Amino acid sequence: MNLSVRSEIGPLRRVLLHRPGAELEQLTPGHLSRMLFDDIPYLSGAQREHDAFADTLRAHGAEVCYLSDRVADTLRPSEAMRRQFIQEFIERSGDMGRYYRKELYALLMDIPDEKDLVLKTMSGVTDRELLRPDHHPLASAFSDEPRFILDPIPNLYFTRDPFSMLGPGAAISRMHAPARQRETIYGRYILNYHPDYAGQVPMYYDPDVPFSLEGGDLLCLEGGVLAAGLSQRTTPEAVELLAANLFADEQSGFKAVLAIDIPNIRAYMHLDTVFTQVDRDAFTVHPGILPVLRAWRLTPGPKGTVRAQEQTGPFDQILQRNIGGGPVTLIHCGGADSIASQREQWNDGSNTLCVAPGKVIVYDRNTITNAILRDHGIQTIEVPGSELGRGRGGPRCMSMPTVRDPLPPR
């Protein structure tokens, strides 16, 4: 079974991660906003925390695979595939990359090891690596600062966003921010060309579609329902197209999409920063979204169209109606303390990763939310996240499950 993700909480068997690398050390204060960071993580600390996260996943029964290894394995058997990857990566790297395509191609082709090549595309290329000073004497005299010909891709350790596993297939995202748009190339090469996946994966979304869609906004719920956030980074048009593609494939298993509108602000950038599932009928939620939340149920219409029906009532009742089962419990991030709620939501207190029903990985720093989860009978597995969290993402953001065991019928 190469891909099978039909819930958020089925026992996790295989997961794709990216260990933070040299791309984080290319961040400078002047680039932070453009690169979607609020601070610069300490790389060694981030790597220690990430290794602890990976070890925790292994200890709870998950096979850990790494993005750079999978891409390298995809490129290694074929020189033609290697050349194609480099050419496509350059063409998707903006005006500067395309202008210097000849020099970039030569530099990248000269890297003999495929994994080193992949890591170099992630960490970026500066003009000092590519050009002699006499190529641009005025620019060289004007500033001693190196300029990026290929920007680094520091958000890559959030593997949840650039592609999503949905049932037996995948959706390749259209990333909202230019800084993240090249991330999708890695998932596309793995899913289209890696021997474990080539020709076997239905594709439900394409990054060439002009409407942004990101994986942090997609949660596989029970009963063939996909929750999709309408957020800062995912548009209603994208959710409609994704729904239509899922409904058109009977093997997808999805019968409905629950579109959930959340405030369009950085603190709530994706649905999973304010809402995740922790057990069959239990969810974490940031209470700040509840007074303004709106939701629609999308179902198949005639001739490939999609129907949208607005959902009314409290959010827990909306969820219960859509997924079935018993009453739904919403566990508030930070509890009743509004200051703690805002602080711990900012530190990804709502962003949990289920390794089995009622068993979740969380950041250790969110002490109030973690205690409330335990009070509700949820087993919390705490991992450090002081450096990793500087990128504004938690355990769910950092993981892309590719295989989960099915849940037993209710």
Protein backbone atom coordinates (compact mmCIF):
# COMPACT_ATOMS: atom_id res chain seq x y z
CA MET A 1 0.00 0.00 0.00
CA ASN A 2 1.91 3.04 -1.30
CA LEU A 3 -0.52 5.79 -0.29
CA SER A 4 -3.50 5.50 2.03
CA VAL A 5 -4.67 8.39 4.18
CA ARG A 6 -8.39 8.37 4.95
CA SER A 7 -8.41 9.96 8.40
CA GLU A 8 -6.48 12.28 10.68
CA ILE A 9 -6.28 9.76 13.52
CA GLY A 10 -5.77 6.26 12.13
CA PRO A 11 -2.54 4.69 13.42
CA LEU A 12 0.33 6.35 11.59
CA ARG A 13 2.53 3.92 9.64
CA ARG A 14 4.62 6.04 7.27
CA VAL A 15 5.41 9.74 7.27
CA LEU A 16 7.49 12.11 5.13
CA LEU A 17 9.67 14.74 6.86
CA HIS A 18 12.32 17.26 5.89
CA ARG A 19 15.14 17.76 8.37
CA PRO A 20 15.99 21.49 8.50
CA GLY A 21 19.24 22.23 6.70
CA ALA A 22 21.47 24.97 5.36
CA GLU A 23 18.48 26.83 3.94
CA LEU A 24 17.73 28.14 7.46
CA GLU A 25 21.20 29.67 7.73
CA GLN A 26 20.56 31.71 4.60
CA LEU A 27 17.90 33.72 6.45
CA THR A 28 18.85 37.29 7.33
CA PRO A 29 16.76 40.02 8.99
CA GLY A 30 16.26 41.75 5.65
CA HIS A 31 14.78 38.60 4.09
CA LEU A 32 12.58 37.39 6.97
CA SER A 33 9.25 38.86 5.91
CA ARG A 34 9.67 37.79 2.28
CA MET A 35 10.57 34.27 3.44
CA LEU A 36 7.54 34.14 5.80
CA PHE A 37 9.57 33.98 9.02
CA ASP A 38 9.28 36.17 12.10
CA ASP A 39 12.67 35.16 13.53
CA ILE A 40 15.78 33.18 12.56
CA PRO A 41 15.89 29.65 14.03
CA TYR A 42 19.17 28.36 15.42
CA LEU A 43 19.94 25.55 12.98
CA SER A 44 21.68 23.13 15.36
CA GLY A 45 18.88 23.54 17.88
CA ALA A 46 16.22 23.10 15.19
CA GLN A 47 17.92 19.93 13.97
CA ARG A 48 18.11 18.49 17.49
CA GLU A 49 14.43 19.20 18.00
CA HIS A 50 13.55 17.73 14.62
CA ASP A 51 15.58 14.59 15.31
CA ALA A 52 13.70 14.20 18.60
CA PHE A 53 10.43 14.56 16.67
CA ALA A 54 11.50 11.88 14.17
CA ASP A 55 12.61 9.54 16.96
CA THR A 56 9.25 10.02 18.67
CA LEU A 57 7.43 9.07 15.48
CA ARG A 58 9.54 5.91 15.13
CA ALA A 59 8.95 5.00 18.75
CA HIS A 60 5.20 5.07 18.10
CA GLY A 61 5.27 2.79 15.07
CA ALA A 62 5.81 5.12 12.11
CA GLU A 63 8.40 4.64 9.39
CA VAL A 64 10.12 7.99 8.82
CA CYS A 65 11.13 8.92 5.26
CA TYR A 66 12.99 12.09 4.31
CA LEU A 67 12.09 14.39 1.43
CA SER A 68 15.66 14.89 0.20
CA ASP A 69 16.32 11.13 0.17
CA ARG A 70 13.14 10.42 -1.77
CA VAL A 71 13.91 13.06 -4.40
CA ALA A 72 17.51 11.85 -4.72
CA ASP A 73 16.28 8.27 -5.15
CA THR A 74 13.96 9.52 -7.90
CA LEU A 75 16.78 11.23 -9.81
CA ARG A 76 19.56 8.70 -9.29
CA PRO A 77 18.63 6.02 -11.87
CA SER A 78 18.43 8.37 -14.86
CA GLU A 79 20.75 11.07 -16.13
CA ALA A 80 17.88 12.35 -18.28
CA MET A 81 15.68 12.70 -15.18
CA ARG A 82 18.45 14.59 -13.41
CA ARG A 83 18.76 17.04 -16.31
CA GLN A 84 15.00 17.46 -16.53
CA PHE A 85 14.74 18.20 -12.80
CA ILE A 86 17.47 20.86 -12.94
CA GLN A 87 15.99 22.53 -16.00
CA GLU A 88 12.50 22.59 -14.53
CA PHE A 89 13.72 23.83 -11.15
CA ILE A 90 15.53 26.75 -12.85
CA GLU A 91 12.51 27.61 -15.00
CA ARG A 92 10.35 27.78 -11.86
CA SER A 93 12.83 29.98 -9.99
CA GLY A 94 11.71 33.39 -11.15
CA ASP A 95 13.20 35.98 -13.48
CA MET A 96 16.65 35.92 -11.89
CA GLY A 97 16.96 32.15 -12.17
CA ARG A 98 15.79 32.14 -15.77
CA TYR A 99 18.17 34.96 -16.71
CA TYR A 100 21.13 32.98 -15.38
CA ARG A 101 19.81 29.58 -16.49
CA LYS A 102 23.00 28.63 -18.35
CA GLU A 103 25.27 29.36 -15.36
CA LEU A 104 22.89 27.73 -12.89
CA TYR A 105 22.54 24.64 -15.03
CA ALA A 106 26.32 24.25 -15.20
CA LEU A 107 26.73 24.74 -11.43
CA LEU A 108 24.02 22.24 -10.52
CA MET A 109 25.06 19.64 -13.08
CA ASP A 110 28.58 19.73 -11.63
CA ILE A 111 27.30 18.41 -8.27
CA PRO A 112 27.98 14.66 -8.58
CA ASP A 113 25.81 13.28 -5.76
CA GLU A 114 22.04 13.48 -6.24
CA LYS A 115 21.28 14.18 -2.59
CA ASP A 116 23.83 17.00 -2.50
CA LEU A 117 22.19 18.37 -5.65
CA VAL A 118 18.74 18.30 -4.05
CA LEU A 119 20.02 19.96 -0.87
CA LYS A 120 21.69 22.68 -2.94
CA THR A 121 18.42 23.52 -4.68
CA MET A 122 16.92 23.89 -1.20
CA SER A 123 19.68 26.06 0.28
CA GLY A 124 19.90 28.51 -2.63
CA VAL A 125 22.61 30.01 -4.84
CA THR A 126 24.15 33.48 -4.51
CA ASP A 127 25.79 35.62 -7.17
CA ARG A 128 29.15 35.07 -5.44
CA GLU A 129 28.90 31.36 -6.23
CA LEU A 130 27.80 31.91 -9.79
CA LEU A 131 29.51 35.01 -11.20
CA ARG A 132 32.88 36.71 -11.27
CA PRO A 133 32.90 40.32 -9.97
CA ASP A 134 33.71 41.62 -13.45
CA HIS A 135 30.40 40.26 -14.76
CA HIS A 136 28.62 43.07 -12.90
CA PRO A 137 31.27 45.63 -11.83
CA LEU A 138 28.77 48.31 -10.77
CA ALA A 139 26.68 45.91 -8.70
CA SER A 140 29.83 44.47 -7.11
CA ALA A 141 31.12 47.93 -6.25
CA PHE A 142 27.72 49.13 -5.03
CA SER A 143 27.26 46.44 -2.37
CA ASP A 144 29.37 43.89 -0.55
CA GLU A 145 26.25 41.86 0.22
CA PRO A 146 25.70 38.70 -1.83
CA ARG A 147 22.46 38.53 -3.77
CA PHE A 148 20.42 35.38 -4.28
CA ILE A 149 20.13 34.08 -7.81
CA LEU A 150 18.15 31.14 -6.42
CA ASP A 151 16.41 31.95 -3.14
CA PRO A 152 16.69 29.43 -0.29
CA ILE A 153 13.53 27.48 0.61
CA PRO A 154 13.49 27.66 4.43
CA ASN A 155 9.84 26.62 4.92
CA LEU A 156 10.47 23.13 3.58
CA TYR A 157 10.48 21.47 6.98
CA PHE A 158 6.73 22.09 6.97
CA THR A 159 6.13 19.18 4.61
CA ARG A 160 2.37 19.28 5.17
CA ASP A 161 1.78 22.23 2.86
CA PRO A 162 3.18 21.64 -0.67
CA PHE A 163 1.28 18.40 -1.29
CA SER A 164 -1.44 16.43 0.49
CA MET A 165 -2.23 12.72 0.59
CA LEU A 166 -5.97 12.22 0.17
CA GLY A 167 -7.24 8.65 0.20
CA PRO A 168 -5.22 6.75 -2.44
CA GLY A 169 -4.11 9.93 -4.21
CA ALA A 170 -2.58 13.35 -3.76
CA ALA A 171 -3.18 17.05 -4.31
CA ILE A 172 -0.15 19.05 -5.37
CA SER A 173 -0.60 22.52 -3.89
CA ARG A 174 -0.59 25.90 -5.54
CA MET A 175 1.37 27.77 -2.89
CA HIS A 176 0.09 31.22 -1.97
CA ALA A 177 3.44 32.98 -1.43
CA PRO A 178 6.16 33.22 -4.11
CA ALA A 179 8.73 32.18 -1.47
CA ARG A 180 7.11 28.72 -1.27
CA GLN A 181 6.03 28.01 -4.84
CA ARG A 182 9.10 25.92 -5.75
CA GLU A 183 8.44 23.51 -2.86
CA THR A 184 5.90 21.62 -4.94
CA ILE A 185 8.47 20.38 -7.44
CA TYR A 186 9.87 17.88 -4.94
CA GLY A 187 6.53 16.23 -4.28
CA ARG A 188 5.66 16.17 -7.98
CA TYR A 189 8.88 14.35 -8.86
CA ILE A 190 8.46 11.83 -6.05
CA LEU A 191 4.83 11.07 -6.86
CA ASN A 192 5.23 11.05 -10.64
CA TYR A 193 8.61 9.36 -11.05
CA HIS A 194 9.75 7.53 -7.90
CA PRO A 195 9.45 3.77 -8.50
CA ASP A 196 7.21 3.37 -5.44
CA TYR A 197 4.62 5.80 -6.86
CA ALA A 198 5.06 6.36 -10.61
CA GLY A 199 1.82 5.80 -12.48
CA GLN A 200 -0.03 4.73 -9.33
CA VAL A 201 -1.16 7.99 -7.71
CA PRO A 202 -4.35 9.80 -8.77
CA MET A 203 -3.71 13.55 -8.80
CA TYR A 204 -6.55 15.70 -7.49
CA TYR A 205 -5.01 19.17 -7.83
CA ASP A 206 -2.35 20.77 -10.03
CA PRO A 207 -0.11 23.70 -9.04
CA ASP A 208 -0.56 25.27 -12.49
CA VAL A 209 -4.18 26.06 -11.55
CA PRO A 210 -4.28 29.79 -10.67
CA PHE A 211 -6.09 29.35 -7.30
CA SER A 212 -3.98 28.85 -4.20
CA LEU A 213 -4.41 25.69 -2.12
CA GLU A 214 -2.15 24.52 0.73
CA GLY A 215 -2.02 21.26 2.66
CA GLY A 216 -2.35 22.83 6.09
CA ASP A 217 -5.93 23.62 5.14
CA LEU A 218 -6.91 20.00 4.38
CA LEU A 219 -7.97 17.48 7.05
CA CYS A 220 -9.30 13.99 6.25
CA LEU A 221 -12.26 13.38 8.54
CA GLU A 222 -14.38 10.26 8.90
CA GLY A 223 -17.34 9.31 6.75
CA GLY A 224 -15.63 10.29 3.49
CA VAL A 225 -15.53 13.97 4.49
CA LEU A 226 -12.62 16.31 3.78
CA ALA A 227 -12.40 19.48 5.86
CA ALA A 228 -10.96 22.36 3.82
CA GLY A 229 -10.03 25.72 5.30
CA LEU A 230 -10.86 28.92 3.44
CA SER A 231 -7.91 30.84 4.79
CA GLN A 232 -5.15 33.29 4.09
CA ARG A 233 -3.66 30.71 1.73
CA THR A 234 -6.52 28.64 0.28
CA THR A 235 -9.25 30.10 -1.93
CA PRO A 236 -12.89 29.02 -2.39
CA GLU A 237 -12.26 28.35 -6.09
CA ALA A 238 -9.44 25.95 -5.23
CA VAL A 239 -11.65 24.04 -2.80
CA GLU A 240 -14.41 23.77 -5.41
CA LEU A 241 -12.00 22.37 -8.01
CA LEU A 242 -10.46 19.95 -5.53
CA ALA A 243 -13.92 18.77 -4.46
CA ALA A 244 -15.00 18.21 -8.07
CA ASN A 245 -11.87 16.14 -8.77
CA LEU A 246 -12.34 14.05 -5.64
CA PHE A 247 -16.01 13.41 -6.42
CA ALA A 248 -15.15 12.42 -10.01
CA ASP A 249 -12.95 9.55 -8.75
CA GLU A 250 -14.97 6.91 -6.93
CA GLN A 251 -11.76 5.42 -5.56
CA SER A 252 -11.01 8.62 -3.65
CA GLY A 253 -13.63 7.69 -1.06
CA PHE A 254 -14.65 11.32 -0.50
CA LYS A 255 -18.37 12.03 -0.56
CA ALA A 256 -18.36 15.57 0.81
CA VAL A 257 -16.09 18.51 1.54
CA LEU A 258 -16.72 20.68 4.60
CA ALA A 259 -15.41 24.14 3.70
CA ILE A 260 -14.59 26.15 6.83
CA ASP A 261 -14.02 29.90 6.61
CA ILE A 262 -11.47 31.20 9.12
CA PRO A 263 -10.11 34.76 9.57
CA ASN A 264 -7.55 35.79 6.95
CA ILE A 265 -4.62 36.67 9.24
CA ARG A 266 -1.10 35.33 9.68
CA ALA A 267 -1.75 33.88 13.14
CA TYR A 268 -4.44 31.66 11.58
CA MET A 269 -2.66 31.05 8.26
CA HIS A 270 -4.07 27.51 7.85
CA LEU A 271 -7.01 25.58 9.25
CA ASP A 272 -4.65 23.27 11.16
CA THR A 273 -3.21 26.20 13.12
CA VAL A 274 -6.62 26.63 14.78
CA PHE A 275 -8.24 23.18 14.48
CA THR A 276 -7.01 19.56 14.51
CA GLN A 277 -8.51 16.19 15.37
CA VAL A 278 -7.24 14.32 18.44
CA ASP A 279 -9.73 11.44 18.78
CA ARG A 280 -12.76 10.08 16.98
CA ASP A 281 -15.11 12.70 18.39
CA ALA A 282 -12.64 15.22 19.84
CA PHE A 283 -10.87 18.20 18.28
CA THR A 284 -8.62 20.99 19.43
CA VAL A 285 -9.83 24.43 18.44
CA HIS A 286 -8.71 28.00 19.00
CA PRO A 287 -11.77 29.61 20.63
CA GLY A 288 -11.09 32.88 18.82
CA ILE A 289 -12.44 31.47 15.56
CA LEU A 290 -15.75 30.17 16.92
CA PRO A 291 -17.76 33.43 16.96
CA VAL A 292 -16.90 34.22 13.30
CA LEU A 293 -16.59 30.75 11.75
CA ARG A 294 -18.80 29.87 8.74
CA ALA A 295 -19.02 26.50 7.00
CA TRP A 296 -20.49 24.97 3.83
CA ARG A 297 -20.99 21.33 2.84
CA LEU A 298 -19.94 20.62 -0.75
CA THR A 299 -21.46 17.58 -2.46
CA PRO A 300 -21.58 16.30 -6.04
CA GLY A 301 -23.95 18.09 -8.38
CA PRO A 302 -25.09 17.18 -11.90
CA LYS A 303 -22.56 16.78 -14.73
CA GLY A 304 -19.46 17.24 -12.57
CA THR A 305 -20.67 20.33 -10.76
CA VAL A 306 -20.48 20.94 -7.02
CA ARG A 307 -23.32 21.96 -4.71
CA ALA A 308 -22.64 24.18 -1.67
CA GLN A 309 -24.99 24.25 1.32
CA GLU A 310 -24.27 26.57 4.23
CA GLN A 311 -24.15 24.84 7.60
CA THR A 312 -25.87 26.41 10.59
CA GLY A 313 -25.57 25.98 14.34
CA PRO A 314 -22.65 25.65 16.74
CA PHE A 315 -19.44 24.25 15.26
CA ASP A 316 -19.54 21.04 17.30
CA GLN A 317 -22.99 20.28 15.94
CA ILE A 318 -21.86 21.04 12.38
CA LEU A 319 -19.04 18.54 12.80
CA GLN A 320 -21.28 15.89 14.30
CA ARG A 321 -23.79 16.20 11.45
CA ASN A 322 -21.06 15.88 8.86
CA ILE A 323 -18.96 13.03 10.27
CA GLY A 324 -21.56 11.08 12.21
CA GLY A 325 -20.88 9.34 15.51
CA GLY A 326 -21.52 10.70 18.96
CA PRO A 327 -21.42 14.23 20.35
CA VAL A 328 -18.29 16.16 19.38
CA THR A 329 -16.00 17.66 22.02
CA LEU A 330 -14.15 20.86 21.16
CA ILE A 331 -11.08 21.26 23.39
CA HIS A 332 -10.15 24.93 23.59
CA CYS A 333 -6.51 25.88 23.09
CA GLY A 334 -5.45 27.70 26.26
CA GLY A 335 -8.75 26.96 27.98
CA ALA A 336 -10.82 29.85 29.30
CA ASP A 337 -7.82 32.21 29.69
CA SER A 338 -7.89 34.47 26.61
CA ILE A 339 -4.24 35.51 27.04
CA ALA A 340 -3.07 31.90 27.32
CA SER A 341 -5.29 30.99 24.38
CA GLN A 342 -3.72 33.60 22.12
CA ARG A 343 -0.19 32.82 23.29
CA GLU A 344 -0.47 29.05 22.90
CA GLN A 345 -2.29 29.29 19.57
CA TRP A 346 0.62 31.43 18.29
CA ASN A 347 2.94 28.68 19.55
CA ASP A 348 0.91 25.99 17.75
CA GLY A 349 -0.98 24.65 20.72
CA SER A 350 -3.84 23.67 18.38
CA ASN A 351 -1.51 22.04 15.84
CA THR A 352 -1.38 18.43 17.03
CA LEU A 353 -0.34 15.29 15.14
CA CYS A 354 -2.28 12.10 15.90
CA VAL A 355 -0.24 8.90 15.87
CA ALA A 356 -3.30 6.88 16.91
CA PRO A 357 -6.79 7.73 18.17
CA GLY A 358 -6.47 9.69 21.40
CA LYS A 359 -2.68 9.88 21.18
CA VAL A 360 -1.09 13.09 19.89
CA ILE A 361 2.33 14.68 19.48
CA VAL A 362 2.45 18.26 20.79
CA TYR A 363 5.03 20.93 21.55
CA ASP A 364 6.08 20.80 25.21
CA ARG A 365 5.90 24.59 25.57
CA ASN A 366 2.08 24.68 25.42
CA THR A 367 1.64 23.59 29.01
CA ILE A 368 -1.93 24.81 29.55
CA THR A 369 -3.38 23.28 26.39
CA ASN A 370 -1.49 20.02 26.95
CA ALA A 371 -2.90 19.73 30.48
CA ILE A 372 -6.43 20.35 29.16
CA LEU A 373 -5.95 17.63 26.53
CA ARG A 374 -4.92 15.19 29.26
CA ASP A 375 -7.95 16.19 31.33
CA HIS A 376 -10.05 15.07 28.36
CA GLY A 377 -8.35 11.67 28.28
CA ILE A 378 -5.97 12.47 25.40
CA GLN A 379 -2.43 11.09 25.72
CA THR A 380 0.05 13.86 24.94
CA ILE A 381 3.53 13.02 23.64
CA GLU A 382 5.57 16.15 24.17
CA VAL A 383 8.48 17.18 21.94
CA PRO A 384 10.66 20.30 22.10
CA GLY A 385 9.81 23.06 19.63
CA SER A 386 11.39 26.32 20.71
CA GLU A 387 13.49 26.64 17.52
CA LEU A 388 11.21 24.79 15.12
CA GLY A 389 8.25 26.91 16.20
CA ARG A 390 9.97 30.10 15.03
CA GLY A 391 8.78 29.18 11.54
CA ARG A 392 5.15 29.27 12.77
CA GLY A 393 4.28 25.60 12.54
CA GLY A 394 3.76 22.63 14.86
CA PRO A 395 3.93 18.83 14.71
CA ARG A 396 1.17 18.47 12.13
CA CYS A 397 2.75 21.12 9.91
CA MET A 398 6.09 19.28 9.99
CA SER A 399 4.70 15.92 8.88
CA MET A 400 3.16 14.46 5.75
CA PRO A 401 1.55 11.10 6.55
CA THR A 402 1.56 8.79 3.54
CA VAL A 403 0.07 5.68 5.18
CA ARG A 404 -2.40 5.43 8.05
CA ASP A 405 -4.20 2.30 9.14
CA PRO A 406 -7.97 2.40 8.52
CA LEU A 407 -10.24 3.06 11.44
CA PRO A 408 -12.66 0.29 12.45
CA PRO A 409 -16.35 0.95 11.70
CA ARG A 410 -18.25 2.76 14.42
